Amino acid sequence: MNRCLRIGIGLGWSILLMGCAPSPLAHPPANRPSPRPSPLTQPSLQTNRGQILPISAQAIVAGQRVQLEVAQTPAQQAMGLMFRPALPDDRGMLFPLGSLRPTQFWMRNVPVPLDMIFLRDDEVVAIEASAPPCTTAVCPVYGPTTPINQVIELRGGRAAELGLQVGDRVTIEFLGSQEQADPAS
């Protein structure tokens, strides 16, 4: 009896602690295929300054071309732009989320303000302008309550400089041999 009680308590604590693990996405990405990296692209680089992913897509934002690192895997999406000290004007990170769903992002361990562009089928549904860095254990989350399937992060203030507004279309092109995965496959 005493042994069963100890096992039950241990199991209960394990489940409780697993539920307390931080996650940058309120709703983790769906396990759907996403664009495959081109064989010509370099693998991602993990450093003490965060990850640097290869440029594997570009977006046409308000008539200007922005090179995109594509965070495809759950691990890449969880890391996002954490620990990156700067983001050039012509660079951003794309988070393809697969199916449409409400999703929220946070700024944990991101040392610079970022603009978060929330997209549904390439249409801007919300913009979080200059989301501030967060270095504490508890961080605010950002995102619309309506379903989305993509997020682009840009340097803080860049969306306003480009004149980007809700309702605008953003064309995303995958580079090299990458193609957007067919949801039916």
C-alpha atoms as a PDB file:
ATOM      1  CA  MET A   1       0.000   0.000   0.000  1.00  0.00           C
ATOM      2  CA  ASN A   2       2.771   2.430   0.954  1.00  0.00           C
ATOM      3  CA  ARG A   3       4.633   1.638  -2.290  1.00  0.00           C
ATOM      4  CA  CYS A   4       1.516   2.350  -4.411  1.00  0.00           C
ATOM      5  CA  LEU A   5       0.995   5.656  -2.619  1.00  0.00           C
ATOM      6  CA  ARG A   6       4.595   6.757  -3.330  1.00  0.00           C
ATOM      7  CA  ILE A   7       4.296   5.775  -6.995  1.00  0.00           C
ATOM      8  CA  GLY A   8       1.013   7.669  -7.304  1.00  0.00           C
ATOM      9  CA  ILE A   9       2.456  10.801  -5.695  1.00  0.00           C
ATOM     10  CA  GLY A  10       5.563  10.628  -7.904  1.00  0.00           C
ATOM     11  CA  LEU A  11       3.442  10.205 -11.014  1.00  0.00           C
ATOM     12  CA  GLY A  12       1.230  13.122  -9.985  1.00  0.00           C
ATOM     13  CA  TRP A  13       4.244  15.421  -9.498  1.00  0.00           C
ATOM     14  CA  SER A  14       5.674  14.348 -12.861  1.00  0.00           C
ATOM     15  CA  ILE A  15       2.446  15.226 -14.665  1.00  0.00           C
ATOM     16  CA  LEU A  16       2.186  18.539 -12.807  1.00  0.00           C
ATOM     17  CA  LEU A  17       5.758  19.562 -13.657  1.00  0.00           C
ATOM     18  CA  MET A  18       5.358  18.623 -17.331  1.00  0.00           C
ATOM     19  CA  GLY A  19       2.355  20.930 -17.541  1.00  0.00           C
ATOM     20  CA  CYS A  20       4.423  23.833 -16.182  1.00  0.00           C
ATOM     21  CA  ALA A  21       7.065  23.753 -18.926  1.00  0.00           C
ATOM     22  CA  PRO A  22       7.195  27.071 -20.806  1.00  0.00           C
ATOM     23  CA  SER A  23       6.141  27.177 -24.445  1.00  0.00           C
ATOM     24  CA  PRO A  24       6.539  30.103 -26.854  1.00  0.00           C
ATOM     25  CA  LEU A  25       3.365  29.118 -28.664  1.00  0.00           C
ATOM     26  CA  ALA A  26       0.110  28.866 -26.783  1.00  0.00           C
ATOM     27  CA  HIS A  27      -0.923  26.275 -29.369  1.00  0.00           C
ATOM     28  CA  PRO A  28       1.997  24.175 -30.680  1.00  0.00           C
ATOM     29  CA  PRO A  29       2.347  23.818 -34.446  1.00  0.00           C
ATOM     30  CA  ALA A  30       0.363  21.054 -36.097  1.00  0.00           C
ATOM     31  CA  ASN A  31       2.240  17.989 -37.242  1.00  0.00           C
ATOM     32  CA  ARG A  32       1.708  18.770 -40.888  1.00  0.00           C
ATOM     33  CA  PRO A  33       4.349  18.724 -43.555  1.00  0.00           C
ATOM     34  CA  SER A  34       5.947  22.059 -44.170  1.00  0.00           C
ATOM     35  CA  PRO A  35       8.273  23.254 -46.882  1.00  0.00           C
ATOM     36  CA  ARG A  36      11.399  21.141 -47.237  1.00  0.00           C
ATOM     37  CA  PRO A  37      14.770  22.885 -47.256  1.00  0.00           C
ATOM     38  CA  SER A  38      16.487  23.085 -50.588  1.00  0.00           C
ATOM     39  CA  PRO A  39      19.579  20.907 -50.843  1.00  0.00           C
ATOM     40  CA  LEU A  40      21.426  24.124 -51.698  1.00  0.00           C
ATOM     41  CA  THR A  41      20.634  25.754 -48.352  1.00  0.00           C
ATOM     42  CA  GLN A  42      22.842  25.488 -45.323  1.00  0.00           C
ATOM     43  CA  PRO A  43      21.611  23.730 -42.179  1.00  0.00           C
ATOM     44  CA  SER A  44      20.498  25.840 -39.252  1.00  0.00           C
ATOM     45  CA  LEU A  45      23.175  27.171 -36.957  1.00  0.00           C
ATOM     46  CA  GLN A  46      22.565  27.110 -33.208  1.00  0.00           C
ATOM     47  CA  THR A  47      24.750  29.511 -31.255  1.00  0.00           C
ATOM     48  CA  ASN A  48      24.732  31.062 -27.823  1.00  0.00           C
ATOM     49  CA  ARG A  49      23.068  33.967 -29.647  1.00  0.00           C
ATOM     50  CA  GLY A  50      20.155  31.851 -30.854  1.00  0.00           C
ATOM     51  CA  GLN A  51      19.572  30.066 -34.109  1.00  0.00           C
ATOM     52  CA  ILE A  52      20.325  31.348 -37.569  1.00  0.00           C
ATOM     53  CA  LEU A  53      18.302  29.478 -40.166  1.00  0.00           C
ATOM     54  CA  PRO A  54      19.051  29.525 -43.893  1.00  0.00           C
ATOM     55  CA  ILE A  55      17.140  31.977 -46.068  1.00  0.00           C
ATOM     56  CA  SER A  56      14.616  29.654 -47.701  1.00  0.00           C
ATOM     57  CA  ALA A  57      11.742  32.006 -48.566  1.00  0.00           C
ATOM     58  CA  GLN A  58      11.039  35.606 -49.375  1.00  0.00           C
ATOM     59  CA  ALA A  59       8.029  37.796 -48.792  1.00  0.00           C
ATOM     60  CA  ILE A  60       6.838  40.706 -50.847  1.00  0.00           C
ATOM     61  CA  VAL A  61       5.691  43.156 -48.178  1.00  0.00           C
ATOM     62  CA  ALA A  62       4.231  46.441 -49.417  1.00  0.00           C
ATOM     63  CA  GLY A  63       6.198  46.017 -52.645  1.00  0.00           C
ATOM     64  CA  GLN A  64       9.513  45.329 -50.893  1.00  0.00           C
ATOM     65  CA  ARG A  65      11.344  42.013 -50.775  1.00  0.00           C
ATOM     66  CA  VAL A  66      12.106  40.568 -47.315  1.00  0.00           C
ATOM     67  CA  GLN A  67      14.346  37.507 -47.001  1.00  0.00           C
ATOM     68  CA  LEU A  68      12.906  34.926 -44.615  1.00  0.00           C
ATOM     69  CA  GLU A  69      14.391  32.288 -42.402  1.00  0.00           C
ATOM     70  CA  VAL A  70      11.710  29.586 -42.135  1.00  0.00           C
ATOM     71  CA  ALA A  71      11.176  28.015 -38.704  1.00  0.00           C
ATOM     72  CA  GLN A  72       9.762  24.680 -39.859  1.00  0.00           C
ATOM     73  CA  THR A  73      10.158  22.267 -36.970  1.00  0.00           C
ATOM     74  CA  PRO A  74       8.604  22.605 -33.510  1.00  0.00           C
ATOM     75  CA  ALA A  75      12.113  23.083 -32.060  1.00  0.00           C
ATOM     76  CA  GLN A  76      12.934  25.851 -34.560  1.00  0.00           C
ATOM     77  CA  GLN A  77       9.591  27.515 -33.887  1.00  0.00           C
ATOM     78  CA  ALA A  78      10.098  27.298 -30.119  1.00  0.00           C
ATOM     79  CA  MET A  79      13.529  28.974 -30.433  1.00  0.00           C
ATOM     80  CA  GLY A  80      12.376  31.545 -33.003  1.00  0.00           C
ATOM     81  CA  LEU A  81      14.448  34.715 -32.702  1.00  0.00           C
ATOM     82  CA  MET A  82      15.469  34.151 -29.081  1.00  0.00           C
ATOM     83  CA  PHE A  83      18.883  35.562 -28.150  1.00  0.00           C
ATOM     84  CA  ARG A  84      19.333  37.283 -31.544  1.00  0.00           C
ATOM     85  CA  PRO A  85      20.842  40.732 -30.885  1.00  0.00           C
ATOM     86  CA  ALA A  86      19.495  42.328 -34.085  1.00  0.00           C
ATOM     87  CA  LEU A  87      17.468  41.698 -37.215  1.00  0.00           C
ATOM     88  CA  PRO A  88      18.324  43.590 -40.438  1.00  0.00           C
ATOM     89  CA  ASP A  89      15.622  45.576 -42.255  1.00  0.00           C
ATOM     90  CA  ASP A  90      15.479  43.104 -45.146  1.00  0.00           C
ATOM     91  CA  ARG A  91      15.279  39.961 -42.980  1.00  0.00           C
ATOM     92  CA  GLY A  92      12.567  38.208 -41.017  1.00  0.00           C
ATOM     93  CA  MET A  93      11.439  34.822 -39.775  1.00  0.00           C
ATOM     94  CA  LEU A  94       8.431  32.912 -41.103  1.00  0.00           C
ATOM     95  CA  PHE A  95       6.491  30.511 -38.899  1.00  0.00           C
ATOM     96  CA  PRO A  96       4.298  28.264 -41.101  1.00  0.00           C
ATOM     97  CA  LEU A  97       1.689  26.830 -38.740  1.00  0.00           C
ATOM     98  CA  GLY A  98      -0.096  24.365 -41.000  1.00  0.00           C
ATOM     99  CA  SER A  99      -3.809  24.414 -40.314  1.00  0.00           C
ATOM    100  CA  LEU A 100      -5.768  27.528 -39.378  1.00  0.00           C
ATOM    101  CA  ARG A 101      -6.003  28.050 -35.614  1.00  0.00           C
ATOM    102  CA  PRO A 102      -5.756  30.780 -32.984  1.00  0.00           C
ATOM    103  CA  THR A 103      -2.086  31.068 -32.018  1.00  0.00           C
ATOM    104  CA  GLN A 104      -0.141  33.286 -29.649  1.00  0.00           C
ATOM    105  CA  PHE A 105       3.553  34.150 -29.475  1.00  0.00           C
ATOM    106  CA  TRP A 106       5.696  35.549 -26.684  1.00  0.00           C
ATOM    107  CA  MET A 107       8.974  37.475 -26.512  1.00  0.00           C
ATOM    108  CA  ARG A 108      10.804  35.378 -23.915  1.00  0.00           C
ATOM    109  CA  ASN A 109      14.591  35.792 -24.287  1.00  0.00           C
ATOM    110  CA  VAL A 110      14.217  37.988 -27.384  1.00  0.00           C
ATOM    111  CA  PRO A 111      16.473  40.991 -26.642  1.00  0.00           C
ATOM    112  CA  VAL A 112      15.047  43.377 -29.270  1.00  0.00           C
ATOM    113  CA  PRO A 113      11.510  44.563 -30.102  1.00  0.00           C
ATOM    114  CA  LEU A 114       9.828  42.701 -32.964  1.00  0.00           C
ATOM    115  CA  ASP A 115       6.817  43.284 -35.191  1.00  0.00           C
ATOM    116  CA  MET A 116       4.629  40.180 -35.415  1.00  0.00           C
ATOM    117  CA  ILE A 117       2.569  39.930 -38.604  1.00  0.00           C
ATOM    118  CA  PHE A 118      -0.251  37.396 -38.207  1.00  0.00           C
ATOM    119  CA  LEU A 119      -1.479  35.988 -41.548  1.00  0.00           C
ATOM    120  CA  ARG A 120      -4.373  33.865 -42.736  1.00  0.00           C
ATOM    121  CA  ASP A 121      -3.718  32.561 -46.243  1.00  0.00           C
ATOM    122  CA  ASP A 122      -1.295  35.441 -46.976  1.00  0.00           C
ATOM    123  CA  GLU A 123      -3.667  38.166 -45.711  1.00  0.00           C
ATOM    124  CA  VAL A 124      -2.666  40.267 -42.700  1.00  0.00           C
ATOM    125  CA  VAL A 125      -5.240  39.749 -39.929  1.00  0.00           C
ATOM    126  CA  ALA A 126      -3.290  41.405 -37.097  1.00  0.00           C
ATOM    127  CA  ILE A 127      -0.027  43.219 -36.406  1.00  0.00           C
ATOM    128  CA  GLU A 128       1.644  43.396 -33.011  1.00  0.00           C
ATOM    129  CA  ALA A 129       3.902  46.411 -33.460  1.00  0.00           C
ATOM    130  CA  SER A 130       7.199  46.531 -31.570  1.00  0.00           C
ATOM    131  CA  ALA A 131       6.423  43.782 -29.068  1.00  0.00           C
ATOM    132  CA  PRO A 132       8.879  44.499 -26.236  1.00  0.00           C
ATOM    133  CA  PRO A 133      11.597  42.097 -25.076  1.00  0.00           C
ATOM    134  CA  CYS A 134      10.858  39.901 -22.061  1.00  0.00           C
ATOM    135  CA  THR A 135      13.550  38.543 -19.765  1.00  0.00           C
ATOM    136  CA  THR A 136      11.323  37.396 -16.914  1.00  0.00           C
ATOM    137  CA  ALA A 137       9.832  33.948 -16.302  1.00  0.00           C
ATOM    138  CA  VAL A 138       6.317  35.197 -17.059  1.00  0.00           C
ATOM    139  CA  CYS A 139       5.855  37.022 -20.369  1.00  0.00           C
ATOM    140  CA  PRO A 140       2.777  38.437 -22.106  1.00  0.00           C
ATOM    141  CA  VAL A 141       1.523  36.652 -25.212  1.00  0.00           C
ATOM    142  CA  TYR A 142       0.495  38.261 -28.490  1.00  0.00           C
ATOM    143  CA  GLY A 143      -1.819  37.151 -31.252  1.00  0.00           C
ATOM    144  CA  PRO A 144      -5.322  37.486 -32.609  1.00  0.00           C
ATOM    145  CA  THR A 145      -8.247  35.417 -31.376  1.00  0.00           C
ATOM    146  CA  THR A 146      -9.098  34.579 -34.991  1.00  0.00           C
ATOM    147  CA  PRO A 147      -7.462  31.580 -36.689  1.00  0.00           C
ATOM    148  CA  ILE A 148      -4.190  32.120 -38.576  1.00  0.00           C
ATOM    149  CA  ASN A 149      -1.745  29.852 -40.388  1.00  0.00           C
ATOM    150  CA  GLN A 150       1.436  31.947 -40.689  1.00  0.00           C
ATOM    151  CA  VAL A 151       3.393  34.502 -38.693  1.00  0.00           C
ATOM    152  CA  ILE A 152       6.230  36.704 -39.905  1.00  0.00           C
ATOM    153  CA  GLU A 153       8.489  38.440 -37.395  1.00  0.00           C
ATOM    154  CA  LEU A 154      10.331  41.602 -38.468  1.00  0.00           C
ATOM    155  CA  ARG A 155      12.520  44.150 -36.703  1.00  0.00           C
ATOM    156  CA  GLY A 156      10.417  46.307 -34.389  1.00  0.00           C
ATOM    157  CA  GLY A 157       8.905  49.249 -36.276  1.00  0.00           C
ATOM    158  CA  ARG A 158       9.541  47.741 -39.715  1.00  0.00           C
ATOM    159  CA  ALA A 159       5.865  46.981 -40.480  1.00  0.00           C
ATOM    160  CA  ALA A 160       4.970  50.665 -39.979  1.00  0.00           C
ATOM    161  CA  GLU A 161       7.948  51.768 -42.119  1.00  0.00           C
ATOM    162  CA  LEU A 162       6.627  49.520 -44.899  1.00  0.00           C
ATOM    163  CA  GLY A 163       3.093  50.884 -44.437  1.00  0.00           C
ATOM    164  CA  LEU A 164       1.785  47.374 -43.747  1.00  0.00           C
ATOM    165  CA  GLN A 165      -1.829  47.276 -42.523  1.00  0.00           C
ATOM    166  CA  VAL A 166      -4.495  44.734 -41.614  1.00  0.00           C
ATOM    167  CA  GLY A 167      -6.121  43.501 -44.834  1.00  0.00           C
ATOM    168  CA  ASP A 168      -2.924  43.794 -46.919  1.00  0.00           C
ATOM    169  CA  ARG A 169      -1.679  40.744 -48.804  1.00  0.00           C
ATOM    170  CA  VAL A 170       1.824  39.384 -48.295  1.00  0.00           C
ATOM    171  CA  THR A 171       3.150  37.146 -51.060  1.00  0.00           C
ATOM    172  CA  ILE A 172       5.456  34.408 -49.775  1.00  0.00           C
ATOM    173  CA  GLU A 173       7.710  32.601 -52.243  1.00  0.00           C
ATOM    174  CA  PHE A 174       9.800  29.579 -51.256  1.00  0.00           C
ATOM    175  CA  LEU A 175      13.276  29.552 -52.790  1.00  0.00           C
ATOM    176  CA  GLY A 176      15.163  26.830 -54.626  1.00  0.00           C
ATOM    177  CA  SER A 177      13.409  23.490 -54.820  1.00  0.00           C
ATOM    178  CA  GLN A 178      11.143  24.256 -51.869  1.00  0.00           C
ATOM    179  CA  GLU A 179       7.430  24.010 -52.378  1.00  0.00           C
ATOM    180  CA  GLN A 180       4.551  24.575 -50.024  1.00  0.00           C
ATOM    181  CA  ALA A 181       3.426  21.115 -48.963  1.00  0.00           C
ATOM    182  CA  ASP A 182       0.044  20.042 -50.290  1.00  0.00           C
ATOM    183  CA  PRO A 183      -2.307  19.687 -47.280  1.00  0.00           C
ATOM    184  CA  ALA A 184      -3.996  16.727 -48.991  1.00  0.00           C
ATOM    185  CA  SER A 185      -0.783  14.686 -49.046  1.00  0.00           C
END
